[in-house]
Structures are given as structure tokens and as C-alpha cells.
N, C-alpha and C. Protein backbone atom coordinates (compact mmCIF):
# COMPACT_ATOMS: atom_id res chain seq x y z
N UNK A 1 10.37 7.32 -3.92
CA UNK A 1 10.66 8.13 -5.09
C UNK A 1 11.83 7.49 -5.84
N UNK A 2 11.68 7.34 -7.12
CA UNK A 2 12.76 6.74 -7.89
C UNK A 2 13.71 7.81 -8.42
N UNK A 3 14.77 7.38 -9.04
CA UNK A 3 15.82 8.29 -9.50
C UNK A 3 15.30 9.29 -10.52
N UNK A 4 14.37 8.90 -11.38
CA UNK A 4 13.84 9.80 -12.39
C UNK A 4 13.04 10.93 -11.76
N UNK A 5 12.22 10.60 -10.77
CA UNK A 5 11.45 11.64 -10.09
C UNK A 5 12.38 12.58 -9.35
N UNK A 6 13.41 12.05 -8.73
CA UNK A 6 14.38 12.88 -8.02
C UNK A 6 15.08 13.82 -8.99
N UNK A 7 15.43 13.33 -10.16
CA UNK A 7 16.09 14.16 -11.17
C UNK A 7 15.19 15.29 -11.63
N UNK A 8 13.92 15.00 -11.81
CA UNK A 8 12.97 16.03 -12.23
C UNK A 8 12.81 17.08 -11.14
N UNK A 9 12.67 16.63 -9.90
CA UNK A 9 12.57 17.58 -8.79
C UNK A 9 13.83 18.43 -8.69
N UNK A 10 14.98 17.81 -8.86
CA UNK A 10 16.25 18.55 -8.82
C UNK A 10 16.33 19.58 -9.94
N UNK A 11 15.89 19.20 -11.13
CA UNK A 11 15.92 20.11 -12.28
C UNK A 11 15.11 21.37 -12.00
N UNK A 12 13.93 21.18 -11.40
CA UNK A 12 13.06 22.31 -11.09
C UNK A 12 13.39 22.94 -9.73
N UNK A 13 14.40 22.39 -9.04
CA UNK A 13 14.81 22.88 -7.73
C UNK A 13 13.64 22.83 -6.73
N UNK A 14 12.96 21.68 -6.71
CA UNK A 14 11.82 21.47 -5.84
C UNK A 14 12.15 20.34 -4.86
N UNK A 15 11.46 20.35 -3.72
CA UNK A 15 11.70 19.34 -2.69
C UNK A 15 10.64 18.24 -2.65
N UNK A 16 9.50 18.48 -3.30
CA UNK A 16 8.43 17.49 -3.24
C UNK A 16 7.61 17.53 -4.54
N UNK A 17 6.89 16.45 -4.76
CA UNK A 17 6.01 16.41 -5.92
C UNK A 17 4.93 17.48 -5.83
N UNK A 18 4.40 17.70 -4.63
CA UNK A 18 3.35 18.70 -4.45
C UNK A 18 3.87 20.09 -4.79
N UNK A 19 5.09 20.38 -4.39
CA UNK A 19 5.70 21.67 -4.70
C UNK A 19 5.83 21.84 -6.22
N UNK A 20 6.21 20.78 -6.90
CA UNK A 20 6.32 20.83 -8.37
C UNK A 20 4.95 21.00 -9.01
N UNK A 21 3.95 20.29 -8.52
CA UNK A 21 2.59 20.42 -9.06
C UNK A 21 2.09 21.85 -8.89
N UNK A 22 2.33 22.43 -7.72
CA UNK A 22 1.92 23.82 -7.48
C UNK A 22 2.63 24.77 -8.45
N UNK A 23 3.92 24.54 -8.66
CA UNK A 23 4.70 25.36 -9.60
C UNK A 23 4.12 25.24 -11.01
N UNK A 24 3.79 24.02 -11.40
CA UNK A 24 3.23 23.79 -12.74
C UNK A 24 1.90 24.51 -12.91
N UNK A 25 1.08 24.54 -11.86
CA UNK A 25 -0.20 25.23 -11.92
C UNK A 25 -0.01 26.74 -12.00
N UNK A 26 1.00 27.25 -11.31
CA UNK A 26 1.26 28.69 -11.28
C UNK A 26 1.94 29.17 -12.56
N UNK A 27 2.62 28.28 -13.27
CA UNK A 27 3.38 28.65 -14.47
C UNK A 27 3.04 27.72 -15.63
N UNK A 28 1.79 27.69 -16.06
CA UNK A 28 1.37 26.70 -17.07
C UNK A 28 2.02 26.89 -18.44
N UNK A 29 2.53 28.07 -18.74
CA UNK A 29 3.12 28.31 -20.05
C UNK A 29 4.64 28.31 -20.04
N UNK A 30 5.24 27.97 -18.89
CA UNK A 30 6.69 27.85 -18.79
C UNK A 30 7.14 26.74 -19.73
N UNK A 31 8.19 27.00 -20.51
CA UNK A 31 8.64 26.04 -21.51
C UNK A 31 9.00 24.69 -20.89
N UNK A 32 9.66 24.70 -19.73
CA UNK A 32 10.01 23.44 -19.07
C UNK A 32 8.79 22.71 -18.54
N UNK A 33 7.81 23.45 -18.06
CA UNK A 33 6.57 22.84 -17.58
C UNK A 33 5.83 22.19 -18.75
N UNK A 34 5.78 22.89 -19.88
CA UNK A 34 5.11 22.33 -21.06
C UNK A 34 5.81 21.05 -21.52
N UNK A 35 7.13 21.04 -21.49
CA UNK A 35 7.88 19.85 -21.88
C UNK A 35 7.61 18.69 -20.92
N UNK A 36 7.60 18.99 -19.63
CA UNK A 36 7.32 17.94 -18.64
C UNK A 36 5.92 17.38 -18.82
N UNK A 37 4.94 18.24 -19.07
CA UNK A 37 3.57 17.76 -19.31
C UNK A 37 3.52 16.85 -20.53
N UNK A 38 4.25 17.20 -21.58
CA UNK A 38 4.29 16.38 -22.78
C UNK A 38 4.92 15.02 -22.49
N UNK A 39 6.00 15.02 -21.73
CA UNK A 39 6.65 13.76 -21.37
C UNK A 39 5.73 12.87 -20.54
N UNK A 40 5.04 13.47 -19.59
CA UNK A 40 4.10 12.70 -18.76
C UNK A 40 2.99 12.11 -19.62
N UNK A 41 2.45 12.92 -20.53
CA UNK A 41 1.38 12.44 -21.41
C UNK A 41 1.86 11.27 -22.26
N UNK A 42 3.07 11.37 -22.77
CA UNK A 42 3.60 10.28 -23.60
C UNK A 42 3.80 9.01 -22.77
N UNK A 43 4.30 9.16 -21.54
CA UNK A 43 4.47 7.99 -20.68
C UNK A 43 3.13 7.32 -20.38
N UNK A 44 2.14 8.14 -20.09
CA UNK A 44 0.81 7.58 -19.78
C UNK A 44 0.20 6.91 -20.99
N UNK A 45 0.40 7.49 -22.18
CA UNK A 45 -0.13 6.90 -23.42
C UNK A 45 0.57 5.60 -23.76
N UNK A 46 1.82 5.47 -23.35
CA UNK A 46 2.57 4.24 -23.61
C UNK A 46 2.35 3.18 -22.55
N UNK A 47 1.46 3.48 -21.60
CA UNK A 47 1.15 2.51 -20.56
C UNK A 47 2.04 2.59 -19.34
N UNK A 48 2.88 3.61 -19.29
CA UNK A 48 3.74 3.79 -18.12
C UNK A 48 2.99 4.46 -16.98
N UNK A 49 3.59 4.48 -15.83
CA UNK A 49 2.98 5.12 -14.67
C UNK A 49 3.14 6.62 -14.77
N UNK A 50 2.16 7.35 -14.25
CA UNK A 50 2.29 8.79 -14.16
C UNK A 50 3.16 9.12 -12.95
N UNK A 51 3.51 10.37 -12.78
CA UNK A 51 4.34 10.79 -11.67
C UNK A 51 3.54 11.08 -10.41
N UNK A 52 2.23 11.00 -10.50
CA UNK A 52 1.41 11.27 -9.32
C UNK A 52 0.98 9.96 -8.70
């Protein structure tokens, strides 16, 4: 896990990527979840790696 993933997990107070994914599925309209989804989409569109 790199520093960016750790920062995202810390922001959401999660211990694992799976825990964050579950949270995102349970709270699809949460403002922070929507922002994170947008950031992931932009990274993928720019040719960057996804977080999964």
C-alpha cells in the first residue's frame, strides 16, 4: 500500500481497502464517497492505476 492509499484509508477511518469498498457501497451518496469515486475515475481516465 502506498502513502496515498494509506491517506485515503486514514481519512475514512478504515483499516483496509475492502472495508472502504464496503463503506462506499453502503453509502453511495455520501459526499466524500462521491468525491473519491470522481478522483478514481479521473485517475483511470488519465491512464493511472485504480485503487483496486
